[in-house]
Amino acid sequence: MTNVDVRFDQLAAAAHTLSRTLRHTGELEVGLEHLPASEVDVLRFVSAHPGSSVSEVARALRLQTSNVSTTVRALVSRGLLLREPDPHDQRRSLLRPSPLADEHRRLLSRAWSNAISGALAELGDDDADAIIAAMPALTRLAATLGRRTEA
């Protein structure tokens, strides 16, 4: 393995650890129930694409429709997703995040921002400045990876 490969491995591991740590820290700080990863994925997709059907969510996330249906039922029972009849096809439902999901997302976003701000304050100025300077490039990287998985 070359040095470049090792750096990419380290970047992927750091990004994964950061994501998991923020998620768990935010849930604990805000007092939210821990959701399984599949529910988080479906909820995030529907929040970004309100009005999607179960089939559309399954296709986009590359999951089995039956698994997404089960996940949607769990999210509806938790009060985080709403099912609405499709006005063009009454046999199908369209999914939307509930007001409760919107509130949870707002609370988590604030908790994540506070956690990052606090952690950056503990780092040296050079590290904090480098991380902040990398934000636009990391955002573009995330968008590029997201487009690749949607294709």
N, C-alpha and C. Protein backbone atom coordinates (compact mmCIF):
# COMPACT_ATOMS: atom_id res chain seq x y z
N MET A 1 0.85 -1.18 0.00
CA MET A 1 0.00 0.00 0.00
C MET A 1 0.90 1.24 0.00
N THR A 2 0.55 2.22 -0.82
CA THR A 2 1.36 3.43 -0.90
C THR A 2 0.97 4.40 0.19
N ASN A 3 1.79 5.44 0.38
CA ASN A 3 1.47 6.48 1.37
C ASN A 3 0.15 7.16 1.05
N VAL A 4 -0.13 7.34 -0.24
CA VAL A 4 -1.39 7.98 -0.63
C VAL A 4 -2.56 7.12 -0.15
N ASP A 5 -2.49 5.80 -0.34
CA ASP A 5 -3.56 4.91 0.10
C ASP A 5 -3.75 4.99 1.61
N VAL A 6 -2.67 5.04 2.36
CA VAL A 6 -2.75 5.13 3.81
C VAL A 6 -3.44 6.42 4.23
N ARG A 7 -3.10 7.51 3.57
CA ARG A 7 -3.75 8.79 3.90
C ARG A 7 -5.24 8.74 3.63
N PHE A 8 -5.64 8.11 2.51
CA PHE A 8 -7.06 8.00 2.21
C PHE A 8 -7.76 7.12 3.23
N ASP A 9 -7.10 6.04 3.63
CA ASP A 9 -7.65 5.19 4.68
C ASP A 9 -7.83 5.98 5.97
N GLN A 10 -6.84 6.78 6.31
CA GLN A 10 -6.90 7.58 7.54
C GLN A 10 -8.00 8.63 7.45
N LEU A 11 -8.14 9.25 6.27
CA LEU A 11 -9.20 10.25 6.09
C LEU A 11 -10.57 9.60 6.22
N ALA A 12 -10.75 8.44 5.59
CA ALA A 12 -12.04 7.74 5.67
C ALA A 12 -12.35 7.34 7.11
N ALA A 13 -11.35 6.83 7.81
CA ALA A 13 -11.56 6.42 9.20
C ALA A 13 -11.89 7.62 10.08
N ALA A 14 -11.19 8.73 9.88
CA ALA A 14 -11.45 9.93 10.68
C ALA A 14 -12.85 10.47 10.40
N ALA A 15 -13.25 10.49 9.13
CA ALA A 15 -14.59 10.99 8.78
C ALA A 15 -15.67 10.10 9.37
N HIS A 16 -15.46 8.79 9.31
CA HIS A 16 -16.44 7.85 9.86
C HIS A 16 -16.54 8.02 11.38
N THR A 17 -15.40 8.09 12.05
CA THR A 17 -15.39 8.26 13.51
C THR A 17 -16.04 9.58 13.90
N LEU A 18 -15.72 10.64 13.18
CA LEU A 18 -16.31 11.95 13.47
C LEU A 18 -17.83 11.89 13.32
N SER A 19 -18.30 11.27 12.25
CA SER A 19 -19.74 11.18 12.02
C SER A 19 -20.44 10.40 13.13
N ARG A 20 -19.90 9.24 13.47
CA ARG A 20 -20.52 8.41 14.53
C ARG A 20 -20.46 9.11 15.87
N THR A 21 -19.34 9.74 16.17
CA THR A 21 -19.19 10.42 17.46
C THR A 21 -20.17 11.58 17.57
N LEU A 22 -20.28 12.37 16.52
CA LEU A 22 -21.23 13.48 16.54
C LEU A 22 -22.65 12.98 16.72
N ARG A 23 -23.00 11.94 15.99
CA ARG A 23 -24.36 11.41 16.07
C ARG A 23 -24.68 10.97 17.50
N HIS A 24 -23.80 10.17 18.09
CA HIS A 24 -24.07 9.66 19.43
C HIS A 24 -24.01 10.76 20.48
N THR A 25 -23.04 11.66 20.37
CA THR A 25 -22.93 12.76 21.31
C THR A 25 -24.16 13.66 21.25
N GLY A 26 -24.59 13.96 20.02
CA GLY A 26 -25.77 14.81 19.84
C GLY A 26 -27.02 14.18 20.43
N GLU A 27 -27.21 12.89 20.16
CA GLU A 27 -28.39 12.20 20.69
C GLU A 27 -28.40 12.23 22.21
N LEU A 28 -27.24 11.97 22.82
CA LEU A 28 -27.16 11.99 24.29
C LEU A 28 -27.41 13.38 24.84
N GLU A 29 -26.77 14.38 24.23
CA GLU A 29 -26.90 15.76 24.73
C GLU A 29 -28.34 16.26 24.64
N VAL A 30 -29.01 15.93 23.54
CA VAL A 30 -30.37 16.41 23.32
C VAL A 30 -31.39 15.52 24.01
N GLY A 31 -30.98 14.29 24.36
CA GLY A 31 -31.90 13.38 25.01
C GLY A 31 -32.79 12.63 24.05
N LEU A 32 -32.29 12.39 22.83
CA LEU A 32 -33.07 11.68 21.84
C LEU A 32 -32.77 10.20 21.88
N GLU A 33 -33.78 9.42 21.53
CA GLU A 33 -33.62 7.98 21.43
C GLU A 33 -32.65 7.66 20.29
N HIS A 34 -31.76 6.72 20.52
CA HIS A 34 -30.82 6.29 19.49
C HIS A 34 -31.59 5.54 18.41
N LEU A 35 -31.44 5.96 17.16
CA LEU A 35 -32.11 5.29 16.05
C LEU A 35 -31.12 4.36 15.35
N PRO A 36 -31.61 3.22 14.87
CA PRO A 36 -30.74 2.36 14.04
C PRO A 36 -30.29 3.12 12.79
N ALA A 37 -29.14 2.74 12.27
CA ALA A 37 -28.57 3.43 11.10
C ALA A 37 -29.54 3.43 9.92
N SER A 38 -30.27 2.34 9.72
CA SER A 38 -31.20 2.27 8.59
C SER A 38 -32.30 3.33 8.73
N GLU A 39 -32.77 3.56 9.96
CA GLU A 39 -33.80 4.57 10.17
C GLU A 39 -33.23 5.97 9.95
N VAL A 40 -32.00 6.18 10.39
CA VAL A 40 -31.36 7.48 10.17
C VAL A 40 -31.21 7.74 8.67
N ASP A 41 -30.77 6.74 7.93
CA ASP A 41 -30.58 6.90 6.48
C ASP A 41 -31.89 7.25 5.79
N VAL A 42 -32.94 6.51 6.11
CA VAL A 42 -34.25 6.77 5.48
C VAL A 42 -34.76 8.15 5.89
N LEU A 43 -34.67 8.49 7.15
CA LEU A 43 -35.15 9.79 7.62
C LEU A 43 -34.37 10.93 6.96
N ARG A 44 -33.06 10.78 6.86
CA ARG A 44 -32.25 11.82 6.22
C ARG A 44 -32.63 11.97 4.74
N PHE A 45 -32.84 10.84 4.06
CA PHE A 45 -33.21 10.91 2.65
C PHE A 45 -34.56 11.61 2.48
N VAL A 46 -35.54 11.19 3.27
CA VAL A 46 -36.88 11.78 3.14
C VAL A 46 -36.84 13.26 3.53
N SER A 47 -36.04 13.63 4.50
CA SER A 47 -35.93 15.04 4.88
C SER A 47 -35.34 15.87 3.74
N ALA A 48 -34.41 15.27 3.00
CA ALA A 48 -33.81 15.96 1.86
C ALA A 48 -34.67 15.89 0.61
N HIS A 49 -35.57 14.88 0.55
CA HIS A 49 -36.43 14.66 -0.62
C HIS A 49 -37.87 14.42 -0.18
N PRO A 50 -38.51 15.42 0.46
CA PRO A 50 -39.89 15.19 0.91
C PRO A 50 -40.80 14.89 -0.27
N GLY A 51 -41.76 14.01 -0.02
CA GLY A 51 -42.68 13.61 -1.08
C GLY A 51 -42.21 12.38 -1.84
N SER A 52 -41.13 11.76 -1.38
CA SER A 52 -40.64 10.52 -2.01
C SER A 52 -41.53 9.36 -1.62
N SER A 53 -41.59 8.38 -2.49
CA SER A 53 -42.30 7.14 -2.18
C SER A 53 -41.32 6.14 -1.57
N VAL A 54 -41.86 5.07 -1.01
CA VAL A 54 -41.01 4.01 -0.45
C VAL A 54 -40.11 3.45 -1.54
N SER A 55 -40.64 3.24 -2.72
CA SER A 55 -39.84 2.71 -3.83
C SER A 55 -38.71 3.65 -4.21
N GLU A 56 -38.99 4.93 -4.23
CA GLU A 56 -37.94 5.91 -4.57
C GLU A 56 -36.85 5.93 -3.51
N VAL A 57 -37.25 5.84 -2.24
CA VAL A 57 -36.26 5.81 -1.16
C VAL A 57 -35.41 4.54 -1.29
N ALA A 58 -36.05 3.41 -1.52
CA ALA A 58 -35.33 2.14 -1.66
C ALA A 58 -34.34 2.21 -2.81
N ARG A 59 -34.77 2.72 -3.93
CA ARG A 59 -33.90 2.82 -5.11
C ARG A 59 -32.71 3.73 -4.82
N ALA A 60 -32.97 4.88 -4.23
CA ALA A 60 -31.91 5.85 -3.96
C ALA A 60 -30.89 5.32 -2.96
N LEU A 61 -31.37 4.59 -1.95
CA LEU A 61 -30.47 4.07 -0.91
C LEU A 61 -29.96 2.67 -1.23
N ARG A 62 -30.42 2.13 -2.37
CA ARG A 62 -30.02 0.79 -2.79
C ARG A 62 -30.35 -0.26 -1.73
N LEU A 63 -31.60 -0.19 -1.28
CA LEU A 63 -32.12 -1.13 -0.29
C LEU A 63 -33.32 -1.85 -0.86
N GLN A 64 -33.67 -2.96 -0.26
CA GLN A 64 -34.87 -3.69 -0.65
C GLN A 64 -36.10 -2.88 -0.24
N THR A 65 -37.09 -2.85 -1.11
CA THR A 65 -38.32 -2.11 -0.81
C THR A 65 -38.97 -2.62 0.47
N SER A 66 -38.95 -3.92 0.68
CA SER A 66 -39.56 -4.48 1.89
C SER A 66 -38.84 -3.98 3.15
N ASN A 67 -37.52 -3.86 3.08
CA ASN A 67 -36.77 -3.34 4.23
C ASN A 67 -37.09 -1.87 4.49
N VAL A 68 -37.21 -1.09 3.42
CA VAL A 68 -37.55 0.32 3.58
C VAL A 68 -38.97 0.44 4.14
N SER A 69 -39.89 -0.39 3.68
CA SER A 69 -41.26 -0.37 4.21
C SER A 69 -41.27 -0.62 5.71
N THR A 70 -40.49 -1.59 6.15
CA THR A 70 -40.39 -1.89 7.59
C THR A 70 -39.81 -0.70 8.34
N THR A 71 -38.78 -0.10 7.79
CA THR A 71 -38.14 1.06 8.42
C THR A 71 -39.11 2.24 8.47
N VAL A 72 -39.84 2.45 7.40
CA VAL A 72 -40.81 3.55 7.36
C VAL A 72 -41.89 3.34 8.42
N ARG A 73 -42.37 2.10 8.56
CA ARG A 73 -43.38 1.83 9.60
C ARG A 73 -42.83 2.19 10.98
N ALA A 74 -41.57 1.85 11.24
CA ALA A 74 -40.97 2.17 12.54
C ALA A 74 -40.87 3.68 12.73
N LEU A 75 -40.48 4.40 11.68
CA LEU A 75 -40.35 5.86 11.79
C LEU A 75 -41.71 6.54 11.94
N VAL A 76 -42.72 6.00 11.28
CA VAL A 76 -44.09 6.53 11.44
C VAL A 76 -44.55 6.29 12.87
N SER A 77 -44.29 5.09 13.41
CA SER A 77 -44.72 4.80 14.78
C SER A 77 -43.98 5.66 15.80
N ARG A 78 -42.76 6.07 15.49
CA ARG A 78 -42.01 6.97 16.37
C ARG A 78 -42.45 8.43 16.22
N GLY A 79 -43.30 8.69 15.22
CA GLY A 79 -43.77 10.05 14.99
C GLY A 79 -42.79 10.91 14.20
N LEU A 80 -41.86 10.26 13.51
CA LEU A 80 -40.83 11.02 12.79
C LEU A 80 -41.10 11.15 11.29
N LEU A 81 -41.94 10.28 10.75
CA LEU A 81 -42.32 10.36 9.34
C LEU A 81 -43.83 10.41 9.22
N LEU A 82 -44.28 11.09 8.19
CA LEU A 82 -45.70 11.15 7.85
C LEU A 82 -45.90 10.49 6.50
N ARG A 83 -46.98 9.71 6.38
CA ARG A 83 -47.38 9.12 5.10
C ARG A 83 -48.59 9.90 4.60
N GLU A 84 -48.52 10.31 3.35
CA GLU A 84 -49.65 11.01 2.74
C GLU A 84 -50.01 10.30 1.45
N PRO A 85 -51.30 10.21 1.13
CA PRO A 85 -51.67 9.57 -0.13
C PRO A 85 -51.14 10.38 -1.31
N ASP A 86 -50.68 9.69 -2.32
CA ASP A 86 -50.23 10.34 -3.55
C ASP A 86 -51.48 10.83 -4.28
N PRO A 87 -51.59 12.12 -4.56
CA PRO A 87 -52.80 12.62 -5.22
C PRO A 87 -53.00 12.06 -6.64
N HIS A 88 -51.93 11.55 -7.24
CA HIS A 88 -52.01 11.02 -8.60
C HIS A 88 -52.19 9.51 -8.63
N ASP A 89 -51.95 8.85 -7.50
CA ASP A 89 -52.05 7.39 -7.44
C ASP A 89 -52.37 7.01 -5.99
N GLN A 90 -53.62 6.79 -5.69
CA GLN A 90 -54.07 6.53 -4.33
C GLN A 90 -53.50 5.23 -3.75
N ARG A 91 -52.92 4.37 -4.58
CA ARG A 91 -52.35 3.12 -4.08
C ARG A 91 -51.00 3.35 -3.41
N ARG A 92 -50.43 4.49 -3.63
CA ARG A 92 -49.07 4.72 -3.12
C ARG A 92 -49.08 5.89 -2.13
N SER A 93 -48.14 5.84 -1.20
CA SER A 93 -47.99 6.91 -0.19
C SER A 93 -46.73 7.70 -0.47
N LEU A 94 -46.79 8.96 -0.11
CA LEU A 94 -45.62 9.84 -0.18
C LEU A 94 -45.18 10.13 1.24
N LEU A 95 -43.89 10.24 1.42
CA LEU A 95 -43.31 10.38 2.76
C LEU A 95 -42.81 11.80 2.99
N ARG A 96 -43.04 12.28 4.20
CA ARG A 96 -42.56 13.60 4.61
C ARG A 96 -42.07 13.52 6.05
N PRO A 97 -41.05 14.31 6.37
CA PRO A 97 -40.63 14.35 7.78
C PRO A 97 -41.72 15.04 8.60
N SER A 98 -41.91 14.59 9.80
CA SER A 98 -42.91 15.20 10.69
C SER A 98 -42.32 16.45 11.33
N PRO A 99 -43.17 17.28 11.92
CA PRO A 99 -42.64 18.42 12.68
C PRO A 99 -41.69 17.97 13.80
N LEU A 100 -41.97 16.80 14.40
CA LEU A 100 -41.08 16.28 15.43
C LEU A 100 -39.70 15.97 14.85
N ALA A 101 -39.65 15.38 13.65
CA ALA A 101 -38.37 15.10 12.99
C ALA A 101 -37.64 16.40 12.70
N ASP A 102 -38.36 17.41 12.24
CA ASP A 102 -37.74 18.71 11.97
C ASP A 102 -37.15 19.31 13.25
N GLU A 103 -37.87 19.17 14.36
CA GLU A 103 -37.37 19.68 15.65
C GLU A 103 -36.14 18.90 16.10
N HIS A 104 -36.17 17.59 15.95
CA HIS A 104 -35.01 16.77 16.31
C HIS A 104 -33.79 17.16 15.48
N ARG A 105 -34.01 17.38 14.18
CA ARG A 105 -32.91 17.77 13.30
C ARG A 105 -32.33 19.12 13.73
N ARG A 106 -33.19 20.04 14.11
CA ARG A 106 -32.74 21.36 14.57
C ARG A 106 -31.93 21.23 15.86
N LEU A 107 -32.43 20.44 16.80
CA LEU A 107 -31.72 20.24 18.07
C LEU A 107 -30.38 19.55 17.87
N LEU A 108 -30.37 18.53 17.01
CA LEU A 108 -29.11 17.82 16.74
C LEU A 108 -28.10 18.73 16.06
N SER A 109 -28.56 19.52 15.13
CA SER A 109 -27.66 20.44 14.43
C SER A 109 -26.99 21.39 15.41
N ARG A 110 -27.78 21.92 16.34
CA ARG A 110 -27.22 22.83 17.35
C ARG A 110 -26.24 22.09 18.26
N ALA A 111 -26.58 20.86 18.66
CA ALA A 111 -25.69 20.07 19.52
C ALA A 111 -24.38 19.75 18.79
N TRP A 112 -24.49 19.39 17.51
CA TRP A 112 -23.28 19.09 16.73
C TRP A 112 -22.40 20.33 16.60
N SER A 113 -23.00 21.47 16.33
CA SER A 113 -22.23 22.72 16.22
C SER A 113 -21.53 23.04 17.52
N ASN A 114 -22.23 22.87 18.63
CA ASN A 114 -21.63 23.13 19.94
C ASN A 114 -20.48 22.17 20.23
N ALA A 115 -20.67 20.90 19.87
CA ALA A 115 -19.62 19.91 20.11
C ALA A 115 -18.38 20.22 19.29
N ILE A 116 -18.57 20.57 18.04
CA ILE A 116 -17.43 20.90 17.18
C ILE A 116 -16.75 22.16 17.66
N SER A 117 -17.52 23.16 18.01
CA SER A 117 -16.95 24.42 18.51
C SER A 117 -16.11 24.17 19.76
N GLY A 118 -16.64 23.37 20.68
CA GLY A 118 -15.90 23.06 21.90
C GLY A 118 -14.64 22.28 21.64
N ALA A 119 -14.72 21.30 20.73
CA ALA A 119 -13.54 20.49 20.41
C ALA A 119 -12.48 21.33 19.70
N LEU A 120 -12.91 22.20 18.78
CA LEU A 120 -11.94 23.06 18.09
C LEU A 120 -11.23 23.99 19.06
N ALA A 121 -11.95 24.44 20.08
CA ALA A 121 -11.34 25.33 21.08
C ALA A 121 -10.24 24.60 21.86
N GLU A 122 -10.34 23.27 21.97
CA GLU A 122 -9.32 22.49 22.67
C GLU A 122 -8.11 22.19 21.80
N LEU A 123 -8.27 22.28 20.50
CA LEU A 123 -7.16 22.03 19.59
C LEU A 123 -6.29 23.28 19.51
N GLY A 124 -5.11 23.12 18.99
CA GLY A 124 -4.28 24.28 18.74
C GLY A 124 -4.87 25.11 17.62
N ASP A 125 -4.50 26.37 17.58
CA ASP A 125 -5.03 27.28 16.56
C ASP A 125 -4.74 26.77 15.15
N ASP A 126 -3.56 26.19 14.93
CA ASP A 126 -3.21 25.71 13.59
C ASP A 126 -4.16 24.59 13.15
N ASP A 127 -4.44 23.64 14.05
CA ASP A 127 -5.37 22.56 13.70
C ASP A 127 -6.78 23.09 13.45
N ALA A 128 -7.24 23.96 14.34
CA ALA A 128 -8.59 24.52 14.19
C ALA A 128 -8.70 25.29 12.88
N ASP A 129 -7.69 26.10 12.56
CA ASP A 129 -7.71 26.88 11.31
C ASP A 129 -7.69 25.96 10.09
N ALA A 130 -6.89 24.88 10.16
CA ALA A 130 -6.81 23.94 9.03
C ALA A 130 -8.14 23.23 8.81
N ILE A 131 -8.80 22.85 9.89
CA ILE A 131 -10.09 22.17 9.77
C ILE A 131 -11.13 23.12 9.18
N ILE A 132 -11.17 24.33 9.67
CA ILE A 132 -12.13 25.32 9.15
C ILE A 132 -11.84 25.62 7.69
N ALA A 133 -10.56 25.75 7.34
CA ALA A 133 -10.18 26.03 5.95
C ALA A 133 -10.55 24.86 5.03
N ALA A 134 -10.59 23.64 5.56
CA ALA A 134 -10.91 22.46 4.75
C ALA A 134 -12.40 22.28 4.52
N MET A 135 -13.24 23.03 5.22
CA MET A 135 -14.69 22.83 5.11
C MET A 135 -15.21 22.89 3.67
N PRO A 136 -14.86 23.89 2.87
CA PRO A 136 -15.39 23.90 1.50
C PRO A 136 -14.97 22.66 0.70
N ALA A 137 -13.73 22.23 0.84
CA ALA A 137 -13.27 21.05 0.10
C ALA A 137 -13.97 19.79 0.62
N LEU A 138 -14.16 19.67 1.94
CA LEU A 138 -14.86 18.52 2.49
C LEU A 138 -16.31 18.48 2.04
N THR A 139 -16.93 19.64 1.95
CA THR A 139 -18.31 19.73 1.47
C THR A 139 -18.40 19.27 0.02
N ARG A 140 -17.45 19.69 -0.80
CA ARG A 140 -17.42 19.24 -2.20
C ARG A 140 -17.16 17.74 -2.30
N LEU A 141 -16.27 17.23 -1.45
CA LEU A 141 -15.98 15.79 -1.42
C LEU A 141 -17.25 15.01 -1.07
N ALA A 142 -17.97 15.46 -0.05
CA ALA A 142 -19.21 14.79 0.36
C ALA A 142 -20.23 14.81 -0.78
N ALA A 143 -20.36 15.94 -1.46
CA ALA A 143 -21.31 16.04 -2.57
C ALA A 143 -20.91 15.11 -3.71
N THR A 144 -19.62 15.05 -4.01
CA THR A 144 -19.14 14.17 -5.07
C THR A 144 -19.40 12.71 -4.72
N LEU A 145 -19.09 12.32 -3.50
CA LEU A 145 -19.35 10.94 -3.08
C LEU A 145 -20.86 10.65 -3.10
N GLY A 146 -21.65 11.62 -2.69
CA GLY A 146 -23.10 11.44 -2.70
C GLY A 146 -23.64 11.23 -4.10
N ARG A 147 -23.12 11.99 -5.06
CA ARG A 147 -23.57 11.82 -6.45
C ARG A 147 -23.18 10.45 -6.99
N ARG A 148 -22.02 9.97 -6.59
CA ARG A 148 -21.56 8.65 -7.04
C ARG A 148 -22.48 7.55 -6.54
N THR A 149 -22.94 7.67 -5.30
CA THR A 149 -23.81 6.62 -4.74
C THR A 149 -25.23 6.70 -5.29
N GLU A 150 -25.61 7.88 -5.77
CA GLU A 150 -26.95 8.03 -6.35
C GLU A 150 -27.01 7.51 -7.76
N ALA A 151 -25.88 7.42 -8.42
CA ALA A 151 -25.86 7.00 -9.85
C ALA A 151 -26.20 5.55 -10.01
